[in-house]
């Protein structure tokens, strides 16, 4: 063994130890508090638990919820997070779910980065700040898990492309694509985009041989279940489109909108955006350098990344069934870039320390910046759960969002994650038709139209038992439903709990 080989082996071990250290650091927020609150997270926790209760025939929840029988995606969260709640309590289930996100994202990015046969282990340090992304803290769980599953699928695909494809390989890819679809439709589309780019590059390498066409046709056949379900889902939607201004799209992609670092002031926003821009700029330069190494797989990834960037600018920001398209596409674009940047083959192994130190430094800065905000939201979650102890089993609660913190918007849903049977009439999933569990009737719309404690919705009589004010600030006079209900509850009922965040009133 030469001195050079020994040195490379030593540096490789050092880099591996650094990556394992990063894996520990990235888990610190999960284990340093009871609840790591995300915007839609409490709603997903509530509805996924409700999903299993409805499946089990629970009379209370079956009176208000039903399983959506349309060909809808977004099933990953209800299956996994709901299943975890059937084993653990809400707090432990959410911790486990978030830990699974970290493990799957890091492993799938590693798996895809090392899909080509060579002697060097490639570790995706630059992916670390995307663990706690904007999409994670928006609570878009189905999307972020689907993105990780997409990288896993592409990792298998790249490996199979280097060997002789057999029926089991086609079947596995088709199965993985189906799993991606039932998680989220957007990553499913971009997996197909990458497959198409790579198949065209491979076909060109085969000098456009007609015999080679059998391969993509077989792949298409085995992938057809997901494709058919996508067509059925999209064709059944009445879609309206909204677009962002071009300047806004530029501002987002150059400010690292996908990377979540909480900002308190305008001055903070400017310099933090500069830090994210420099970080992503370095990743982009490494990506371009990797393409210049003229690897076939990098050509495929380069084409897919370029097309993703084009789609980022031409697709709408929302399309009826899936809002904020742009930030999802931006996230996938940067994931593609980072995987490409990770594949660089440096002549000297010690140079691998540069992306390692860069990713680790950014991760530590991100976590340190976000921890105060996360701890604040954890305290808010505890207030909600304390208030829940004052609610009778089998009650209906109407929450009024009145907090200065936007991330509190769905935090009232935590009331439905305890052992008590509680209907919380603020459910962003159940009121939509593209989630697995939906309301039996449009209860929230009926309540807003009547603005009374007692109301009827499609011949079903309803009566509110509790009013929850989240924020306890002066109610907005234009919110007549809140002011009407508060006046009735305060005059004829009683305040059963209040603290610095919430006020819980029980109707007489």
Protein backbone atom coordinates (compact mmCIF):
# COMPACT_ATOMS: atom_id res chain seq x y z
CA UNK A 1 0.00 0.00 0.00
CA UNK A 2 1.49 3.34 -1.06
CA UNK A 3 1.80 6.42 1.17
CA UNK A 4 -0.77 8.19 -1.00
CA UNK A 5 -3.25 5.34 -0.52
CA UNK A 6 -2.77 5.43 3.27
CA UNK A 7 -3.29 9.19 3.34
CA UNK A 8 -6.48 8.92 1.26
CA UNK A 9 -7.78 6.17 3.54
CA UNK A 10 -7.09 8.31 6.62
CA UNK A 11 -8.83 11.35 5.17
CA UNK A 12 -11.76 9.18 4.11
CA UNK A 13 -12.17 7.97 7.70
CA UNK A 14 -11.97 11.53 9.04
CA UNK A 15 -14.67 12.67 6.63
CA UNK A 16 -16.87 9.69 7.58
CA UNK A 17 -16.52 10.54 11.29
CA UNK A 18 -17.51 14.13 10.50
CA UNK A 19 -20.63 12.93 8.70
CA UNK A 20 -21.61 10.73 11.63
CA UNK A 21 -21.09 13.75 13.90
CA UNK A 22 -23.41 15.75 11.65
CA UNK A 23 -25.99 12.99 11.96
CA UNK A 24 -25.92 13.44 15.74
CA UNK A 25 -26.04 17.25 15.62
CA UNK A 26 -28.97 17.30 13.22
CA UNK A 27 -31.03 15.30 15.75
CA UNK A 28 -30.44 17.76 18.62
CA UNK A 29 -33.67 19.80 18.06
CA UNK A 30 -35.84 16.67 18.12
CA UNK A 31 -34.55 15.46 21.48
CA UNK A 32 -34.13 18.86 23.16
CA UNK A 33 -37.88 19.55 23.43
CA UNK A 34 -41.20 17.70 23.66
CA UNK A 35 -42.74 19.00 20.42
CA UNK A 36 -40.89 20.25 17.35
CA UNK A 37 -43.81 22.24 15.96
CA UNK A 38 -44.25 22.82 12.24
CA UNK A 39 -47.06 24.81 10.61
CA UNK A 40 -49.17 21.90 9.31
CA UNK A 41 -47.60 19.36 11.67
CA UNK A 42 -50.33 19.43 14.38
CA UNK A 43 -52.98 19.01 11.70
CA UNK A 44 -51.19 15.98 10.22
CA UNK A 45 -50.77 14.52 13.68
CA UNK A 46 -54.49 14.96 14.38
CA UNK A 47 -55.85 13.70 11.06
CA UNK A 48 -53.46 10.73 10.78
CA UNK A 49 -54.57 9.49 14.19
CA UNK A 50 -58.19 10.09 13.23
CA UNK A 51 -57.65 8.10 10.02
CA UNK A 52 -56.91 4.91 11.98
CA UNK A 53 -59.81 5.56 14.35
CA UNK A 54 -62.24 5.87 11.44
CA UNK A 55 -60.81 2.69 9.91
CA UNK A 56 -61.39 1.00 13.26
CA UNK A 57 -65.04 2.05 13.26
CA UNK A 58 -64.89 4.60 16.09
CA UNK A 59 -68.44 5.99 16.38
CA UNK A 60 -67.46 9.50 17.46
CA UNK A 61 -64.96 10.19 14.69
CA UNK A 62 -66.98 8.31 12.05
CA UNK A 63 -69.81 10.78 12.74
CA UNK A 64 -67.65 13.60 11.38
CA UNK A 65 -64.96 12.05 9.15
CA UNK A 66 -64.79 9.59 6.27
CA UNK A 67 -62.09 8.01 4.11
CA UNK A 68 -61.60 9.79 0.80
CA UNK A 69 -62.17 7.20 -1.94
CA UNK A 70 -60.75 9.34 -4.76
CA UNK A 71 -57.40 8.51 -6.36
CA UNK A 72 -55.62 10.96 -4.12
CA UNK A 73 -51.92 10.99 -3.15
CA UNK A 74 -50.74 12.28 0.28
CA UNK A 75 -51.15 8.89 1.97
CA UNK A 76 -47.64 8.57 3.41
CA UNK A 77 -48.26 10.74 6.47
CA UNK A 78 -51.56 9.13 7.49
CA UNK A 79 -50.15 5.61 7.11
CA UNK A 80 -46.86 6.20 8.95
CA UNK A 81 -47.66 8.96 11.44
CA UNK A 82 -51.05 7.45 12.21
CA UNK A 83 -49.46 4.03 12.65
CA UNK A 84 -46.87 5.46 15.05
CA UNK A 85 -49.66 7.01 17.13
CA UNK A 86 -51.30 3.62 17.48
CA UNK A 87 -48.08 2.47 19.21
CA UNK A 88 -46.85 5.62 20.98
CA UNK A 89 -48.37 8.82 22.31
CA UNK A 90 -48.54 11.96 20.17
CA UNK A 91 -45.22 13.46 21.32
CA UNK A 92 -43.19 10.26 20.86
CA UNK A 93 -44.91 9.51 17.54
CA UNK A 94 -43.99 12.95 16.20
CA UNK A 95 -40.38 12.61 17.43
CA UNK A 96 -40.09 9.23 15.73
CA UNK A 97 -41.64 10.59 12.55
CA UNK A 98 -39.21 13.53 12.43
CA UNK A 99 -36.30 11.19 13.15
CA UNK A 100 -37.44 8.98 10.27
CA UNK A 101 -37.39 12.07 8.03
CA UNK A 102 -33.76 12.76 8.94
CA UNK A 103 -32.65 9.15 8.46
CA UNK A 104 -34.46 8.78 5.13
CA UNK A 105 -33.22 12.10 3.71
CA UNK A 106 -29.58 11.49 4.66
CA UNK A 107 -29.59 7.84 3.60
CA UNK A 108 -31.38 8.40 0.28
CA UNK A 109 -29.07 11.29 -0.66
CA UNK A 110 -26.08 9.08 0.23
CA UNK A 111 -27.57 6.15 -1.70
CA UNK A 112 -28.11 8.22 -4.85
CA UNK A 113 -24.74 10.01 -4.60
CA UNK A 114 -22.95 6.64 -4.57
CA UNK A 115 -24.99 4.97 -7.33
CA UNK A 116 -22.01 4.85 -9.75
CA UNK A 117 -19.27 2.29 -9.31
CA UNK A 118 -16.02 3.87 -8.09
CA UNK A 119 -13.64 3.50 -5.16
CA UNK A 120 -14.51 6.71 -3.31
CA UNK A 121 -17.29 7.04 -0.77
CA UNK A 122 -19.23 10.29 -1.36
CA UNK A 123 -20.96 11.85 1.64
CA UNK A 124 -23.71 14.45 1.05
CA UNK A 125 -22.68 17.10 3.61
CA UNK A 126 -24.28 19.88 1.59
CA UNK A 127 -27.74 18.32 2.09
CA UNK A 128 -27.66 19.00 5.84
CA UNK A 129 -29.36 22.46 5.89
CA UNK A 130 -32.21 20.97 3.84
CA UNK A 131 -33.18 18.66 6.70
CA UNK A 132 -34.83 21.63 8.41
CA UNK A 133 -36.08 23.25 5.23
CA UNK A 134 -38.87 25.76 4.70
CA UNK A 135 -41.02 22.86 3.48
CA UNK A 136 -40.35 20.87 6.66
CA UNK A 137 -41.36 23.79 8.87
CA UNK A 138 -44.41 24.37 6.72
CA UNK A 139 -45.36 20.82 7.71
CA UNK A 140 -45.42 19.56 4.11
CA UNK A 141 -44.55 16.09 5.35
CA UNK A 142 -45.86 14.15 2.37
CA UNK A 143 -43.71 16.20 0.00
CA UNK A 144 -40.44 15.98 1.93
CA UNK A 145 -40.79 12.23 2.43
CA UNK A 146 -41.72 11.80 -1.23
CA UNK A 147 -38.56 13.72 -2.21
CA UNK A 148 -36.40 11.38 -0.12
CA UNK A 149 -38.18 8.36 -1.61
CA UNK A 150 -37.54 9.86 -5.05
CA UNK A 151 -33.80 9.96 -4.42
CA UNK A 152 -33.95 6.35 -3.25
CA UNK A 153 -35.83 5.40 -6.44
CA UNK A 154 -33.32 7.21 -8.67
CA UNK A 155 -30.47 5.55 -6.77
CA UNK A 156 -31.85 2.12 -7.66
CA UNK A 157 -32.52 3.23 -11.24
CA UNK A 158 -28.92 4.43 -11.73
CA UNK A 159 -27.57 1.15 -10.38
CA UNK A 160 -29.81 -0.90 -12.65
CA UNK A 161 -28.76 1.19 -15.66
CA UNK A 162 -25.22 -0.12 -15.23
CA UNK A 163 -26.27 -3.79 -15.33
CA UNK A 164 -28.54 -6.00 -17.41
CA UNK A 165 -32.14 -5.14 -16.50
CA UNK A 166 -34.34 -8.05 -15.44
CA UNK A 167 -38.04 -8.27 -14.65
CA UNK A 168 -37.44 -7.85 -10.91
CA UNK A 169 -35.64 -4.56 -11.55
CA UNK A 170 -38.56 -3.17 -13.55
CA UNK A 171 -40.99 -4.36 -10.88
CA UNK A 172 -39.00 -2.72 -8.06
CA UNK A 173 -38.82 0.62 -9.89
CA UNK A 174 -42.55 0.48 -10.65
CA UNK A 175 -43.30 -0.30 -7.00
CA UNK A 176 -41.08 2.54 -5.74
CA UNK A 177 -42.72 4.97 -8.16
CA UNK A 178 -46.13 3.95 -6.85
CA UNK A 179 -44.93 4.62 -3.28
CA UNK A 180 -43.66 8.04 -4.38
CA UNK A 181 -47.03 8.81 -5.99
CA UNK A 182 -49.07 7.95 -2.90
CA UNK A 183 -46.71 10.21 -0.93
CA UNK A 184 -46.85 13.25 -3.21
CA UNK A 185 -47.46 13.88 -6.87
CA UNK A 186 -44.79 16.57 -7.50
CA UNK A 187 -41.66 14.45 -6.73
CA UNK A 188 -43.26 11.64 -8.73
CA UNK A 189 -43.22 13.93 -11.77
CA UNK A 190 -39.58 14.92 -11.29
CA UNK A 191 -38.45 11.31 -10.94
CA UNK A 192 -40.01 10.77 -14.35
CA UNK A 193 -38.17 13.85 -15.63
CA UNK A 194 -34.83 12.42 -14.51
CA UNK A 195 -35.63 8.97 -15.94
CA UNK A 196 -36.49 10.55 -19.30
CA UNK A 197 -33.25 12.55 -19.38
CA UNK A 198 -31.13 9.52 -18.54
CA UNK A 199 -32.90 7.25 -21.03
CA UNK A 200 -32.34 9.79 -23.81
CA UNK A 201 -28.63 10.08 -22.92
CA UNK A 202 -28.36 6.27 -22.88
CA UNK A 203 -30.24 5.97 -26.18
CA UNK A 204 -27.84 8.45 -27.77
CA UNK A 205 -24.92 6.37 -26.45
CA UNK A 206 -26.55 3.38 -28.22
CA UNK A 207 -26.53 5.46 -31.44
CA UNK A 208 -30.35 5.72 -31.41
CA UNK A 209 -30.75 1.95 -31.78
CA UNK A 210 -34.37 0.84 -32.19
CA UNK A 211 -33.61 -2.27 -30.10
CA UNK A 212 -32.86 -0.05 -27.09
CA UNK A 213 -36.44 1.30 -27.18
CA UNK A 214 -37.65 -1.96 -25.64
CA UNK A 215 -36.07 -0.87 -22.36
CA UNK A 216 -37.94 2.46 -21.88
CA UNK A 217 -41.18 0.84 -23.08
CA UNK A 218 -40.87 -1.90 -20.43
CA UNK A 219 -40.06 0.75 -17.83
CA UNK A 220 -43.14 2.70 -18.88
CA UNK A 221 -45.32 -0.40 -18.60
CA UNK A 222 -44.14 -1.21 -15.07
CA UNK A 223 -44.55 2.45 -14.08
CA UNK A 224 -48.07 2.68 -15.49
CA UNK A 225 -49.99 2.25 -12.18
CA UNK A 226 -48.56 5.50 -10.81
CA UNK A 227 -49.00 7.25 -14.15
CA UNK A 228 -52.64 6.16 -14.46
CA UNK A 229 -53.41 7.25 -10.89
CA UNK A 230 -51.78 10.62 -11.60
CA UNK A 231 -53.96 11.09 -14.66
CA UNK A 232 -57.12 10.10 -12.78
CA UNK A 233 -56.29 12.45 -9.90
CA UNK A 234 -55.45 15.47 -12.04
CA UNK A 235 -58.31 15.00 -14.49
CA UNK A 236 -60.83 15.06 -11.64
CA UNK A 237 -59.78 18.50 -10.38
CA UNK A 238 -61.33 21.87 -11.13
CA UNK A 239 -58.05 23.73 -11.28
CA UNK A 240 -57.35 27.45 -10.99
CA UNK A 241 -53.83 28.78 -11.55
CA UNK A 242 -51.86 31.49 -9.81
CA UNK A 243 -48.44 32.77 -10.84
CA UNK A 244 -45.72 34.61 -8.95
CA UNK A 245 -44.01 37.65 -10.41
CA UNK A 246 -40.70 36.91 -12.14
CA UNK A 247 -38.86 39.19 -9.69
CA UNK A 248 -40.29 37.20 -6.77
CA UNK A 249 -39.14 33.93 -8.31
CA UNK A 250 -35.64 35.34 -8.77
CA UNK A 251 -35.59 36.65 -5.19
CA UNK A 252 -36.61 33.27 -3.79
CA UNK A 253 -34.12 31.13 -5.65
CA UNK A 254 -31.22 33.51 -4.96
CA UNK A 255 -32.03 33.90 -1.26
CA UNK A 256 -32.17 30.19 -0.50
CA UNK A 257 -35.88 30.31 0.27
CA UNK A 258 -35.93 26.53 0.80
CA UNK A 259 -33.45 26.69 3.69
CA UNK A 260 -35.25 27.72 6.87
CA UNK A 261 -33.39 30.13 9.16
CA UNK A 262 -35.73 32.16 11.34
CA UNK A 263 -35.28 35.92 11.07
CA UNK A 264 -36.34 38.51 13.65
CA UNK A 265 -35.57 41.82 11.93
CA UNK A 266 -35.09 43.22 8.43
CA UNK A 267 -31.35 43.52 9.09
CA UNK A 268 -31.19 39.83 10.02
CA UNK A 269 -32.99 38.86 6.82
CA UNK A 270 -30.44 40.62 4.60
CA UNK A 271 -27.28 39.09 6.01
CA UNK A 272 -28.82 35.65 6.53
CA UNK A 273 -29.95 35.63 2.89
CA UNK A 274 -26.39 36.50 1.89
CA UNK A 275 -25.07 33.55 3.89
CA UNK A 276 -27.55 31.21 2.20
CA UNK A 277 -26.74 32.66 -1.24
CA UNK A 278 -23.00 32.09 -0.75
CA UNK A 279 -23.64 28.55 0.48
CA UNK A 280 -25.85 27.65 -2.49
CA UNK A 281 -23.52 29.48 -4.88
CA UNK A 282 -20.63 27.26 -3.77
CA UNK A 283 -22.84 24.17 -4.20
CA UNK A 284 -23.76 25.32 -7.72
CA UNK A 285 -20.11 25.85 -8.66
CA UNK A 286 -19.23 22.37 -7.41
CA UNK A 287 -22.17 21.01 -9.41
CA UNK A 288 -20.92 22.67 -12.60
CA UNK A 289 -17.39 21.40 -11.93
CA UNK A 290 -18.80 17.90 -11.51
CA UNK A 291 -20.56 18.13 -14.89
CA UNK A 292 -17.29 19.19 -16.51
CA UNK A 293 -15.80 15.87 -15.41
CA UNK A 294 -17.88 14.43 -18.28
CA UNK A 295 -19.59 11.58 -16.47
CA UNK A 296 -22.60 10.10 -18.30
CA UNK A 297 -24.70 10.22 -15.12
CA UNK A 298 -23.79 13.86 -14.64
CA UNK A 299 -25.04 14.64 -18.14
CA UNK A 300 -28.39 13.10 -17.21
CA UNK A 301 -28.52 14.98 -13.92
CA UNK A 302 -27.44 18.20 -15.63
CA UNK A 303 -30.29 17.94 -18.16
CA UNK A 304 -32.85 17.14 -15.45
CA UNK A 305 -31.60 20.04 -13.30
CA UNK A 306 -31.74 22.47 -16.21
CA UNK A 307 -35.29 21.43 -17.08
CA UNK A 308 -36.28 21.75 -13.42
CA UNK A 309 -35.00 25.33 -13.37
CA UNK A 310 -36.99 26.13 -16.52
CA UNK A 311 -40.13 24.62 -15.00
CA UNK A 312 -39.56 26.68 -11.85
CA UNK A 313 -40.04 29.83 -13.94
CA UNK A 314 -42.89 28.69 -16.19
CA UNK A 315 -45.14 26.56 -13.95
CA UNK A 316 -47.71 28.27 -11.71
CA UNK A 317 -47.14 28.82 -8.02
CA UNK A 318 -50.42 27.03 -7.26
CA UNK A 319 -52.76 24.83 -9.22
CA UNK A 320 -55.85 24.16 -7.17
CA UNK A 321 -54.82 20.78 -5.75
CA UNK A 322 -51.28 21.72 -4.69
CA UNK A 323 -50.39 25.20 -3.50
CA UNK A 324 -46.92 26.79 -3.54
CA UNK A 325 -45.55 24.78 -6.43
CA UNK A 326 -42.63 27.18 -6.81
CA UNK A 327 -40.97 26.47 -3.47
CA UNK A 328 -41.36 22.72 -4.03
CA UNK A 329 -39.69 22.95 -7.44
CA UNK A 330 -36.95 25.17 -6.01
CA UNK A 331 -36.32 22.56 -3.31
CA UNK A 332 -36.00 19.77 -5.90
CA UNK A 333 -33.71 21.96 -8.04
CA UNK A 334 -31.29 22.47 -5.14
CA UNK A 335 -31.48 18.78 -4.18
CA UNK A 336 -30.40 17.91 -7.75
CA UNK A 337 -27.58 20.47 -7.55
CA UNK A 338 -26.34 19.14 -4.20
CA UNK A 339 -26.35 15.51 -5.35
CA UNK A 340 -24.29 16.56 -8.37
CA UNK A 341 -21.90 18.59 -6.20
CA UNK A 342 -21.44 15.58 -3.89
CA UNK A 343 -20.27 13.39 -6.79
CA UNK A 344 -17.05 15.34 -7.42
CA UNK A 345 -13.90 13.24 -7.58
CA UNK A 346 -11.07 15.27 -6.03
CA UNK A 347 -7.52 14.10 -6.68
CA UNK A 348 -6.63 14.79 -3.05
CA UNK A 349 -9.02 13.31 -0.51
CA UNK A 350 -8.34 16.00 2.10
CA UNK A 351 -10.15 18.49 -0.18
CA UNK A 352 -13.35 16.60 0.73
CA UNK A 353 -13.06 18.35 4.08
CA UNK A 354 -14.13 21.61 2.42
CA UNK A 355 -17.78 20.61 1.70
CA UNK A 356 -17.79 18.71 5.02
CA UNK A 357 -16.81 21.80 7.04
CA UNK A 358 -19.12 23.97 4.91
CA UNK A 359 -22.17 21.76 5.49
CA UNK A 360 -21.42 21.27 9.19
CA UNK A 361 -20.92 25.01 9.78
CA UNK A 362 -24.16 25.88 8.01
CA UNK A 363 -26.04 23.22 9.98
CA UNK A 364 -24.75 24.48 13.35
CA UNK A 365 -25.58 28.09 12.43
CA UNK A 366 -29.09 27.07 11.27
CA UNK A 367 -29.92 25.05 14.38
CA UNK A 368 -28.52 27.69 16.75
CA UNK A 369 -30.56 30.40 14.98
CA UNK A 370 -33.79 28.39 15.03
CA UNK A 371 -33.69 26.86 18.52
CA UNK A 372 -35.21 29.87 20.38
CA UNK A 373 -38.19 29.91 18.00
CA UNK A 374 -38.68 26.15 18.23
CA UNK A 375 -38.59 26.28 22.05
CA UNK A 376 -41.18 29.06 22.02
CA UNK A 377 -43.52 26.92 19.88
CA UNK A 378 -42.87 23.94 22.17
CA UNK A 379 -44.11 26.09 25.06
CA UNK A 380 -47.21 26.97 23.02
CA UNK A 381 -47.85 23.27 22.40
CA UNK A 382 -47.71 22.60 26.14
CA UNK A 383 -50.27 25.38 26.73
CA UNK A 384 -52.66 23.76 24.24
CA UNK A 385 -52.26 20.35 25.86
CA UNK A 386 -52.76 21.77 29.34
CA UNK A 387 -55.98 23.41 28.17
CA UNK A 388 -57.08 20.04 26.75
CA UNK A 389 -57.21 18.56 30.25
CA UNK A 390 -60.14 20.88 30.97
CA UNK A 391 -62.18 19.60 27.99
CA UNK A 392 -64.80 16.87 28.40
CA UNK A 393 -64.54 13.71 26.33
CA UNK A 394 -66.65 13.78 23.15
CA UNK A 395 -66.58 17.59 22.78
CA UNK A 396 -66.57 19.93 19.79
CA UNK A 397 -64.06 22.79 19.93
CA UNK A 398 -63.90 25.85 17.71
CA UNK A 399 -60.45 27.54 17.77
CA UNK A 400 -59.84 31.20 16.90
CA UNK A 401 -56.34 31.93 15.62
CA UNK A 402 -55.31 35.20 17.20
CA UNK A 403 -51.59 34.74 17.68
CA UNK A 404 -48.74 36.94 16.47
CA UNK A 405 -46.86 33.79 15.45
CA UNK A 406 -47.96 32.32 12.12
CA UNK A 407 -46.63 28.88 13.11
CA UNK A 408 -49.42 28.71 15.74
CA UNK A 409 -52.03 28.57 12.99
CA UNK A 410 -52.87 24.86 13.35
CA UNK A 411 -51.50 24.28 16.85
CA UNK A 412 -55.06 23.87 18.21
CA UNK A 413 -55.15 20.50 16.41
CA UNK A 414 -52.94 19.08 19.17
CA UNK A 415 -56.13 18.85 21.25
CA UNK A 416 -57.25 15.99 19.04
CA UNK A 417 -54.03 14.01 19.58
CA UNK A 418 -54.70 13.08 23.21
CA UNK A 419 -56.70 10.11 24.52
CA UNK A 420 -59.84 12.26 24.56
CA UNK A 421 -62.30 12.20 21.66
CA UNK A 422 -62.38 15.81 20.44
CA UNK A 423 -63.55 17.36 17.19
CA UNK A 424 -61.43 20.45 16.45
CA UNK A 425 -63.20 22.54 13.81
CA UNK A 426 -60.03 23.84 12.17
CA UNK A 427 -58.76 21.10 9.90
CA UNK A 428 -56.97 22.10 6.72
CA UNK A 429 -56.75 18.47 5.53
CA UNK A 430 -60.32 17.36 6.20
CA UNK A 431 -61.81 20.37 4.43
CA UNK A 432 -59.88 19.56 1.21
CA UNK A 433 -60.60 16.77 -1.25
CA UNK A 434 -57.00 15.77 -1.97
CA UNK A 435 -56.22 14.21 1.42
CA UNK A 436 -57.06 10.65 2.54
CA UNK A 437 -59.50 11.68 5.29
CA UNK A 438 -62.20 14.33 4.81
CA UNK A 439 -65.21 15.77 6.63
CA UNK A 440 -68.59 14.11 6.15
CA UNK A 441 -69.98 17.61 5.56
CA UNK A 442 -68.54 21.11 5.22
CA UNK A 443 -68.77 21.81 8.95
CA UNK A 444 -66.44 24.79 8.98
CA UNK A 445 -68.28 26.48 6.11
CA UNK A 446 -71.66 25.85 7.77
CA UNK A 447 -70.43 27.35 11.03
CA UNK A 448 -69.05 30.40 9.28
CA UNK A 449 -72.33 30.97 7.47
CA UNK A 450 -74.50 30.72 10.60
CA UNK A 451 -72.02 32.31 13.07
CA UNK A 452 -73.88 30.63 15.93
CA UNK A 453 -73.00 28.00 18.50
CA UNK A 454 -75.86 25.75 17.30
CA UNK A 455 -75.92 25.07 13.57
CA UNK A 456 -77.03 22.46 11.06
CA UNK A 457 -74.90 21.09 8.25
CA UNK A 458 -76.60 18.87 5.66
CA UNK A 459 -79.25 17.71 8.14
CA UNK A 460 -76.64 17.03 10.85
CA UNK A 461 -77.19 19.09 14.02
CA UNK A 462 -74.03 20.45 15.63
CA UNK A 463 -73.38 22.28 18.90
CA UNK A 464 -70.08 23.81 19.98
CA UNK A 465 -68.93 22.89 23.48
CA UNK A 466 -65.79 25.02 23.77
CA UNK A 467 -64.24 28.13 22.25
CA UNK A 468 -60.44 28.28 22.15
CA UNK A 469 -58.69 31.62 21.65
CA UNK A 470 -55.08 31.11 20.56
CA UNK A 471 -53.13 34.29 21.20
CA UNK A 472 -55.48 36.04 23.64
CA UNK A 473 -55.10 39.40 21.92
CA UNK A 474 -58.01 41.71 21.15
CA UNK A 475 -60.29 39.96 18.66
CA UNK A 476 -60.55 41.35 15.17
CA UNK A 477 -63.98 43.11 14.97
CA UNK A 478 -64.33 41.98 11.35
CA UNK A 479 -64.19 38.34 12.47
CA UNK A 480 -67.86 38.25 13.36
CA UNK A 481 -67.99 34.52 14.02
CA UNK A 482 -65.27 34.86 16.66
CA UNK A 483 -66.79 37.93 18.29
CA UNK A 484 -70.32 36.45 18.32
CA UNK A 485 -69.17 33.15 19.84
CA UNK A 486 -66.91 34.88 22.35
CA UNK A 487 -69.72 37.15 23.53
CA UNK A 488 -72.05 34.17 24.03
CA UNK A 489 -69.44 31.99 25.76
CA UNK A 490 -68.19 34.79 28.02
CA UNK A 491 -71.71 35.93 28.99
CA UNK A 492 -73.46 32.58 29.41
CA UNK A 493 -70.53 30.22 29.90
CA UNK A 494 -67.26 30.29 31.80
CA UNK A 495 -63.53 30.58 31.30
CA UNK A 496 -62.17 27.17 32.29
CA UNK A 497 -58.49 27.80 31.53
CA UNK A 498 -56.19 30.62 30.50
CA UNK A 499 -52.49 31.39 30.43
CA UNK A 500 -50.18 33.67 28.46
CA UNK A 501 -51.12 32.03 25.14
CA UNK A 502 -54.64 30.59 25.26
CA UNK A 503 -58.05 31.18 26.73
CA UNK A 504 -60.50 28.28 26.81
CA UNK A 505 -64.18 29.07 27.28
CA UNK A 506 -66.93 26.52 27.91
CA UNK A 507 -70.42 27.23 26.63
CA UNK A 508 -73.23 26.91 29.20
